Protein backbone atom coordinates (compact mmCIF):
# COMPACT_ATOMS: atom_id res chain seq x y z
CA MET A 1 31.13 0.98 11.15
CA ARG A 2 33.01 3.85 11.58
CA ILE A 3 32.43 5.47 15.40
CA LEU A 4 30.97 8.61 13.08
CA ASP A 5 28.53 6.39 11.51
CA ARG A 6 27.92 5.19 15.13
CA TYR A 7 28.06 8.87 16.14
CA THR A 8 24.83 9.24 13.82
CA THR A 9 23.12 6.72 14.06
CA LYS A 10 22.57 6.40 17.90
CA GLN A 11 21.02 9.93 17.09
CA LEU A 12 19.00 8.90 14.49
CA PHE A 13 17.05 6.54 15.80
CA PRO A 14 15.86 7.44 19.63
CA VAL A 15 14.37 10.47 16.87
CA TRP A 16 12.68 8.28 14.77
CA VAL A 17 11.24 5.74 17.67
CA TRP A 18 10.09 9.46 19.33
CA CYS A 19 8.43 10.34 15.82
CA MET A 20 6.86 7.48 15.31
CA LEU A 21 5.43 7.50 18.88
CA VAL A 22 4.18 10.79 18.02
CA PHE A 23 2.86 9.82 14.62
CA VAL A 24 1.10 6.74 16.36
CA PHE A 25 -0.75 8.20 18.86
CA ILE A 26 -1.65 11.53 16.88
CA SER A 27 -3.61 9.05 14.48
CA LEU A 28 -5.30 7.06 17.39
CA LEU A 29 -6.59 9.74 18.94
CA ILE A 30 -8.27 11.15 16.04
CA ASP A 31 -9.95 8.32 14.92
CA LEU A 32 -10.90 7.84 18.47
CA PHE A 33 -12.35 11.31 18.97
CA GLY A 34 -14.53 10.47 15.37
CA HIS A 35 -15.62 7.23 16.59
CA LEU A 36 -16.51 8.84 20.13
CA GLU A 37 -19.75 9.48 19.74
CA GLU A 38 -20.65 5.80 18.28
CA ILE A 39 -18.27 3.56 20.76
CA LEU A 40 -20.57 5.03 24.09
CA GLN A 41 -24.18 5.31 22.13
CA TYR A 42 -23.34 1.17 21.42
CA ARG A 43 -21.17 1.09 24.72
CA ILE A 44 -18.56 -0.54 22.86
CA PRO A 45 -16.15 -2.85 25.71
CA LEU A 46 -13.04 -1.04 26.37
CA ALA A 47 -11.54 -4.14 25.81
CA THR A 48 -12.95 -4.60 22.45
CA VAL A 49 -12.01 -0.88 21.66
CA ALA A 50 -8.58 -1.69 22.47
CA GLN A 51 -8.64 -4.53 20.23
CA TYR A 52 -10.05 -2.22 17.24
CA TYR A 53 -7.13 0.27 17.55
CA LEU A 54 -4.56 -2.87 17.93
CA THR A 55 -5.19 -4.14 14.80
CA PHE A 56 -4.80 -0.32 13.37
CA THR A 57 -1.81 0.54 14.54
CA PRO A 58 0.28 -1.67 12.26
CA LEU A 59 -1.22 0.57 9.40
CA VAL A 60 -0.50 3.49 10.95
CA ILE A 61 3.46 2.39 11.69
CA VAL A 62 3.49 1.50 7.59
CA ARG A 63 2.24 5.03 6.32
CA ALA A 64 3.41 6.89 9.07
CA SER A 65 7.26 5.89 8.68
CA PRO A 66 8.08 8.25 5.79
CA LEU A 67 7.01 10.97 7.53
CA ALA A 68 8.67 10.49 11.21
CA LEU A 69 11.90 9.76 9.19
CA LEU A 70 11.88 12.94 7.24
CA LEU A 71 11.36 14.69 10.80
CA SER A 72 14.24 12.37 12.48
CA CYS A 73 17.04 13.14 9.93
CA ALA A 74 15.92 16.75 9.28
CA PHE A 75 16.37 16.98 12.74
CA VAL A 76 19.98 14.86 13.48
CA ALA A 77 21.40 16.67 9.96
CA MET A 78 20.20 20.17 11.28
CA ARG A 79 21.99 19.30 14.64
CA LEU A 80 25.13 18.82 13.18
CA VAL A 81 25.13 22.07 10.66
CA ARG A 82 24.39 24.35 14.06
CA TYR A 83 26.58 22.43 16.72
CA GLN A 84 29.82 23.14 13.76
CA GLU A 85 30.20 18.76 13.61
CA LEU A 86 29.63 18.75 9.86
CA LEU A 87 32.51 21.03 8.89
CA ALA A 88 35.21 19.29 11.69
CA MET A 89 34.07 16.64 9.52
CA HIS A 90 34.79 18.06 6.64
CA ALA A 91 37.68 19.64 7.99
CA GLY A 92 38.58 15.58 8.70
CA GLY A 93 38.79 14.45 4.67
CA VAL A 94 35.27 13.43 5.45
CA SER A 95 33.20 14.27 2.65
CA LEU A 96 29.50 15.35 3.01
CA VAL A 97 28.40 12.76 0.86
CA ARG A 98 30.28 10.34 3.48
CA ALA A 99 28.82 12.16 6.05
CA GLY A 100 24.79 11.10 4.55
CA VAL A 101 25.62 7.20 4.55
CA PRO A 102 24.38 6.58 8.14
CA PHE A 103 21.19 8.54 6.85
CA VAL A 104 21.07 6.10 3.81
CA LEU A 105 21.79 3.27 6.10
CA VAL A 106 19.07 4.07 8.44
CA GLY A 107 16.77 4.33 6.10
CA TRP A 108 17.58 1.19 4.15
CA PHE A 109 17.28 -0.84 7.32
CA VAL A 110 13.48 1.11 8.36
CA SER A 111 12.43 0.07 4.61
CA LEU A 112 13.54 -3.19 5.11
CA PHE A 113 11.47 -2.80 8.43
CA VAL A 114 8.71 -1.31 6.52
CA PHE A 115 7.73 -4.44 4.25
CA ALA A 116 7.97 -7.33 6.48
CA LEU A 117 5.83 -5.43 8.54
CA ASN A 118 3.48 -4.76 5.77
CA ASP A 119 3.43 -7.97 3.71
CA ARG A 120 3.81 -10.04 7.02
CA VAL A 121 1.19 -8.28 9.74
CA VAL A 122 -0.32 -5.43 7.66
CA PRO A 123 -2.84 -7.49 5.58
CA GLN A 124 -4.21 -9.58 8.63
CA THR A 125 -4.21 -6.89 11.15
CA ALA A 126 -6.03 -4.14 7.90
CA ALA A 127 -9.16 -6.85 8.11
CA ALA A 128 -9.70 -7.43 10.60
CA TYR A 129 -9.43 -4.18 11.15
CA GLU A 130 -12.16 -3.11 7.92
CA GLN A 131 -13.88 -6.08 9.82
CA MET A 132 -14.84 -4.50 12.92
CA ARG A 133 -14.41 -1.18 11.71
CA TYR A 134 -17.78 -2.18 10.00
CA GLU A 135 -19.48 -4.09 12.86
CA LEU A 136 -18.74 -2.51 15.48
CA PHE A 137 -19.27 1.45 14.06
CA ARG A 138 -23.11 0.86 12.43
CA GLY A 139 -23.90 3.87 12.17
CA ARG A 140 -21.31 3.92 9.02
CA GLN A 141 -23.83 3.28 6.49
CA GLN A 142 -21.23 0.83 3.88
CA PRO A 143 -21.64 1.16 0.15
CA HIS A 144 -23.43 -0.68 -2.38
CA LEU A 145 -21.10 -0.90 -4.61
CA LEU A 146 -17.69 -2.34 -4.94
CA GLU A 147 -15.68 -1.43 -8.55
CA SER A 148 -12.88 -4.46 -9.73
CA VAL A 149 -13.17 -7.40 -7.54
CA ALA A 150 -12.19 -10.68 -6.79
CA THR A 151 -11.61 -13.93 -4.60
CA LEU A 152 -10.63 -17.96 -4.56
CA ASP A 153 -12.97 -20.45 -4.03
CA ARG A 154 -11.55 -24.11 -2.34
CA ASP A 155 -12.09 -25.66 -5.62
CA ASN A 156 -9.43 -23.42 -7.45
CA ARG A 157 -11.97 -21.04 -9.15
CA LEU A 158 -10.77 -17.18 -9.75
CA TYR A 159 -13.80 -14.84 -9.92
CA HIS A 160 -13.33 -11.49 -10.85
CA ALA A 161 -15.91 -9.03 -11.02
CA ARG A 162 -16.22 -5.40 -12.82
CA GLN A 163 -18.75 -4.26 -10.36
CA PHE A 164 -20.53 -5.70 -6.99
CA HIS A 165 -23.88 -4.27 -6.43
CA LEU A 166 -24.39 -5.36 -3.15
CA ASP A 167 -27.83 -3.95 -2.20
CA ARG A 168 -29.49 -6.60 -4.89
CA ASN A 169 -26.14 -8.94 -4.84
CA GLU A 170 -25.79 -8.48 -8.67
CA LEU A 171 -21.95 -9.00 -10.46
CA THR A 172 -21.39 -7.79 -13.40
CA ASP A 173 -19.09 -8.69 -16.22
CA LEU A 174 -18.38 -11.49 -14.33
CA SER A 175 -15.57 -13.88 -15.19
CA ILE A 176 -14.79 -17.86 -13.51
CA LEU A 177 -11.55 -19.48 -14.63
CA GLU A 178 -11.02 -23.13 -13.52
CA HIS A 179 -8.38 -24.75 -12.58
CA ASP A 180 -6.77 -28.43 -12.06
CA VAL A 181 -4.71 -29.61 -9.65
CA ARG A 182 -1.21 -28.68 -11.65
CA ASN A 183 -3.30 -24.82 -11.51
CA GLN A 184 -3.50 -25.03 -14.62
CA PRO A 185 -6.46 -23.38 -16.76
CA THR A 186 -9.16 -25.41 -18.11
CA ARG A 187 -12.88 -23.85 -18.56
CA SER A 188 -13.63 -20.57 -18.58
CA TYR A 189 -16.96 -19.00 -18.06
CA TYR A 190 -17.98 -15.33 -18.72
CA ALA A 191 -21.23 -13.64 -17.80
CA ARG A 192 -22.90 -10.11 -18.39
CA GLN A 193 -24.62 -10.16 -15.34
CA ALA A 194 -24.94 -12.71 -12.20
CA PHE A 195 -27.05 -13.63 -9.10
CA PHE A 196 -26.88 -15.17 -5.96
CA THR A 197 -29.32 -17.25 -5.61
CA PRO A 198 -30.76 -19.69 -2.57
CA HIS A 199 -29.82 -22.71 -5.62
CA GLY A 200 -26.50 -21.20 -6.34
CA LEU A 201 -24.67 -18.53 -9.06
CA LEU A 202 -26.94 -17.68 -11.89
CA LEU A 203 -25.45 -16.62 -15.00
CA ILE A 204 -27.24 -14.68 -17.13
CA SER A 205 -25.89 -13.47 -21.37
CA GLY A 206 -22.71 -15.26 -21.14
CA THR A 207 -20.24 -17.77 -22.93
CA ILE A 208 -18.05 -20.72 -21.75
CA TYR A 209 -15.21 -21.45 -23.09
CA ARG A 210 -12.50 -24.11 -22.51
CA ILE A 211 -8.53 -24.15 -22.42
CA SER A 212 -5.71 -25.71 -23.23
CA PRO A 213 -3.31 -26.00 -20.10
CA LYS A 214 -1.01 -22.96 -22.46
CA GLY A 215 -3.45 -21.01 -21.61
CA LEU A 216 -5.18 -20.94 -25.74
CA LEU A 217 -9.02 -21.50 -26.38
CA THR A 218 -9.89 -24.96 -27.92
CA GLY A 219 -13.14 -25.74 -29.34
CA GLU A 220 -15.76 -23.78 -29.81
CA PRO A 221 -17.09 -21.13 -27.16
CA VAL A 222 -20.84 -22.18 -26.53
CA PRO A 223 -23.08 -19.38 -25.29
CA PHE A 224 -25.62 -19.36 -22.70
CA VAL A 225 -29.12 -17.44 -21.67
CA GLU A 226 -29.18 -18.50 -18.27
CA ARG A 227 -26.68 -20.69 -16.56
CA LEU A 228 -27.13 -21.96 -12.79
CA LEU A 229 -23.91 -23.10 -10.84
CA ASN A 230 -23.76 -24.46 -7.80
CA PHE A 231 -20.07 -23.52 -6.90
CA PRO A 232 -18.72 -22.85 -3.16
CA VAL A 233 -18.73 -18.94 -3.43
CA THR A 234 -21.15 -16.00 -1.90
CA PRO A 235 -21.16 -12.88 -1.35
CA THR A 236 -19.65 -13.22 1.63
CA SER A 237 -16.64 -14.17 -0.19
CA PHE A 238 -16.98 -10.73 -2.44
CA ARG A 239 -17.26 -8.37 0.80
CA GLN A 240 -14.74 -9.53 3.03
CA SER A 241 -11.64 -7.34 3.70
CA ASP A 242 -9.36 -10.13 2.43
CA SER A 243 -10.37 -10.13 -1.04
CA GLN A 244 -9.42 -6.96 -1.30
CA PRO A 245 -5.71 -5.64 -3.07
CA GLU A 246 -4.92 -3.48 -0.13
CA THR A 247 -5.03 -6.12 2.23
CA MET A 248 -3.41 -8.61 0.24
CA ARG A 249 0.61 -9.98 0.41
CA VAL A 250 2.82 -9.48 -2.74
CA GLY A 251 2.96 -12.80 -3.56
CA GLN A 252 -0.83 -13.30 -3.35
CA LEU A 253 -1.12 -9.79 -5.25
CA ARG A 254 1.02 -11.82 -8.43
CA ARG A 255 -0.56 -15.04 -8.51
CA LEU A 256 -3.68 -13.11 -8.78
CA ILE A 257 -2.44 -10.65 -12.02
CA ALA A 258 -1.12 -14.06 -13.36
CA HIS A 259 -4.83 -16.09 -12.90
CA LEU A 260 -6.21 -12.93 -14.66
CA LYS A 261 -3.32 -12.30 -17.36
CA ALA A 262 -4.36 -16.24 -18.05
CA ASN A 263 -7.79 -15.31 -18.00
CA HIS A 264 -7.25 -12.43 -20.79
CA ILE A 265 -8.78 -10.27 -18.16
CA THR A 266 -7.32 -6.42 -18.81
CA ASN A 267 -8.44 -4.70 -16.05
CA ILE A 268 -5.84 -5.60 -13.77
CA ARG A 269 -4.92 -2.15 -12.87
CA ARG A 270 -6.11 -1.82 -9.51
CA TYR A 271 -4.22 -4.61 -9.05
CA ALA A 272 -1.42 -4.34 -10.18
CA THR A 273 -0.80 -0.14 -8.84
CA GLU A 274 -1.47 -2.13 -5.24
CA LEU A 275 1.77 -4.76 -6.11
CA THR A 276 3.84 -1.69 -7.38
CA ALA A 277 2.60 0.29 -4.37
CA LYS A 278 4.03 -2.08 -2.03
CA LEU A 279 6.79 -2.13 -3.55
CA THR A 280 7.37 1.67 -3.91
CA LEU A 281 6.24 1.95 -0.20
CA PRO A 282 9.14 0.89 1.70
CA PHE A 283 11.32 2.60 -0.65
CA MET A 284 10.73 5.99 0.13
CA ASN A 285 11.97 5.18 3.21
CA VAL A 286 15.28 5.74 1.53
CA VAL A 287 14.39 9.02 -0.17
CA MET A 288 12.78 10.90 2.67
CA CYS A 289 15.99 10.90 4.60
CA VAL A 290 18.24 11.74 1.53
CA ILE A 291 16.27 14.41 0.97
CA ALA A 292 16.05 15.67 4.51
CA PHE A 293 20.10 15.66 4.57
CA ILE A 294 20.88 17.84 1.67
CA GLY A 295 17.41 19.60 2.20
CA ALA A 296 18.69 20.82 6.16
CA THR A 297 22.46 20.67 5.25
CA ARG A 298 22.30 23.20 2.83
CA ARG A 299 24.13 26.55 2.82
CA GLN A 300 21.70 28.77 5.06
CA ARG A 301 21.95 33.28 5.45
CA ARG A 302 18.95 33.17 7.60
CA GLY A 303 19.10 30.09 10.90
CA HIS A 304 19.82 26.89 10.68
CA LEU A 305 15.82 26.69 11.02
CA ARG A 306 15.37 26.91 7.30
CA GLY A 307 17.19 24.15 6.37
CA LEU A 308 14.79 22.51 8.74
CA GLY A 309 11.95 24.57 6.74
CA THR A 310 13.60 23.26 3.37
CA SER A 311 13.55 19.35 4.44
CA LEU A 312 10.24 19.60 5.53
CA GLY A 313 9.40 21.61 2.13
CA TRP A 314 10.97 18.88 -0.01
CA GLY A 315 9.35 15.79 1.88
CA VAL A 316 6.23 17.10 1.79
CA LEU A 317 5.87 18.06 -2.22
CA TYR A 318 7.59 14.00 -2.43
CA TYR A 319 5.13 12.82 -0.80
CA LEU A 320 2.25 14.44 -2.83
CA GLY A 321 4.09 13.90 -6.43
CA VAL A 322 3.97 9.82 -5.00
CA ALA A 323 0.05 10.36 -4.01
CA ALA A 324 -0.38 11.79 -7.44
CA GLY A 325 1.82 9.43 -9.63
CA GLN A 326 -0.65 6.75 -7.47
CA GLY A 327 -3.27 8.13 -8.53
CA VAL A 328 -2.62 8.76 -12.36
CA ALA A 329 -1.81 5.20 -11.98
CA LYS A 330 -4.65 4.25 -11.34
CA GLU A 331 -7.02 6.32 -13.43
CA GLY A 332 -4.84 5.08 -16.70
CA PHE A 333 -3.28 8.42 -17.79
CA LEU A 334 0.26 6.77 -17.49
CA PRO A 335 1.54 2.73 -17.27
CA VAL A 336 1.52 1.96 -14.35
CA VAL A 337 5.55 1.43 -13.56
CA VAL A 338 6.05 4.84 -15.15
CA ALA A 339 3.42 6.46 -12.56
CA MET A 340 5.28 4.73 -9.77
CA TRP A 341 8.03 5.02 -10.10
CA ALA A 342 8.44 8.34 -11.38
CA PRO A 343 8.35 10.56 -8.46
CA HIS A 344 11.21 8.65 -7.09
CA LEU A 345 13.47 8.81 -9.72
CA ILE A 346 12.82 12.11 -9.89
CA ALA A 347 13.22 13.19 -6.28
CA LEU A 348 16.91 11.00 -6.18
CA GLY A 349 17.55 13.24 -9.50
CA LEU A 350 16.68 16.33 -8.25
CA CYS A 351 18.86 15.34 -4.37
CA TRP A 352 21.50 14.50 -6.01
CA ARG A 353 21.89 17.77 -8.33
CA ALA A 354 21.47 19.88 -5.32
CA LEU A 355 23.97 17.47 -3.76
CA ARG A 356 26.47 18.09 -6.52
CA GLN A 357 25.94 21.85 -6.31
CA HIS A 358 26.19 21.71 -2.85
CA ALA A 359 29.66 20.23 -2.54
């Protein structure tokens, strides 16, 4: 690494850490004031409150990292322009593109850190956070309906339902896929309705299919009006946070999507969107660094603070575009890959165009 690269990197990392600490502190403070009345009402111990916010912190870091990088990179780039350091680099034969390499490297390293944190730590802490949130703050009303729920039991059966009514323990459009010891599908159940009873899972108006190891249907389907199954699954299995796609790891989501496709379940958009989001979220850190550097180093006629404002404005628009793309993907207006990757590619294309005009 060249001396100029180390010089810029040493400025970026401390500022990013400070920005991240500020974002984490503000997020925890806002959540604390939102639950302060319940904490005092139920006399929740201080150690329990500290554990609750400790499980909340990794999720805040993952979500706030792009904004912290945007602010820190824009500030450092503006300072390089203000003190004519960027001009000195250009006089020494360093192009604007080469001067921005340390910003991209910092964004890349932060992306790797965010991806590892989001895949290894956040699924466990997010599940614990959701469980504690509903156990501690009993004044919060839990939802009566969950959409597109799925879970696996200890006998390697995959369950997927379009809706789960928590108030009456009813599953709608339930599909069950059985696997053998080699993880090959053997049998599939479908039921329009299913209820949890003291004697097991009661399926209403459904069909049983036999499946070959290649995933093809064999034999004639067996319809039924009612069928009682004594499978090791309970309403808690669908209520648990770790059965939700937001708290799954990348590998778990990939296996779940593969199982759902093998069961010919087409309602997997929610899982595909969450999987793509887990892969594209770390990439946001790199794009934010590029946006901040280009916006802050543009030639300004009204002072250097205008460059900082330009970077922040572009970054916020990009952030909103990513959120809009995720919403479009979940609603099904566009294919998941197109809707999720389009904001990132459009942002990079606009940054490259602005960089060429500036250079």
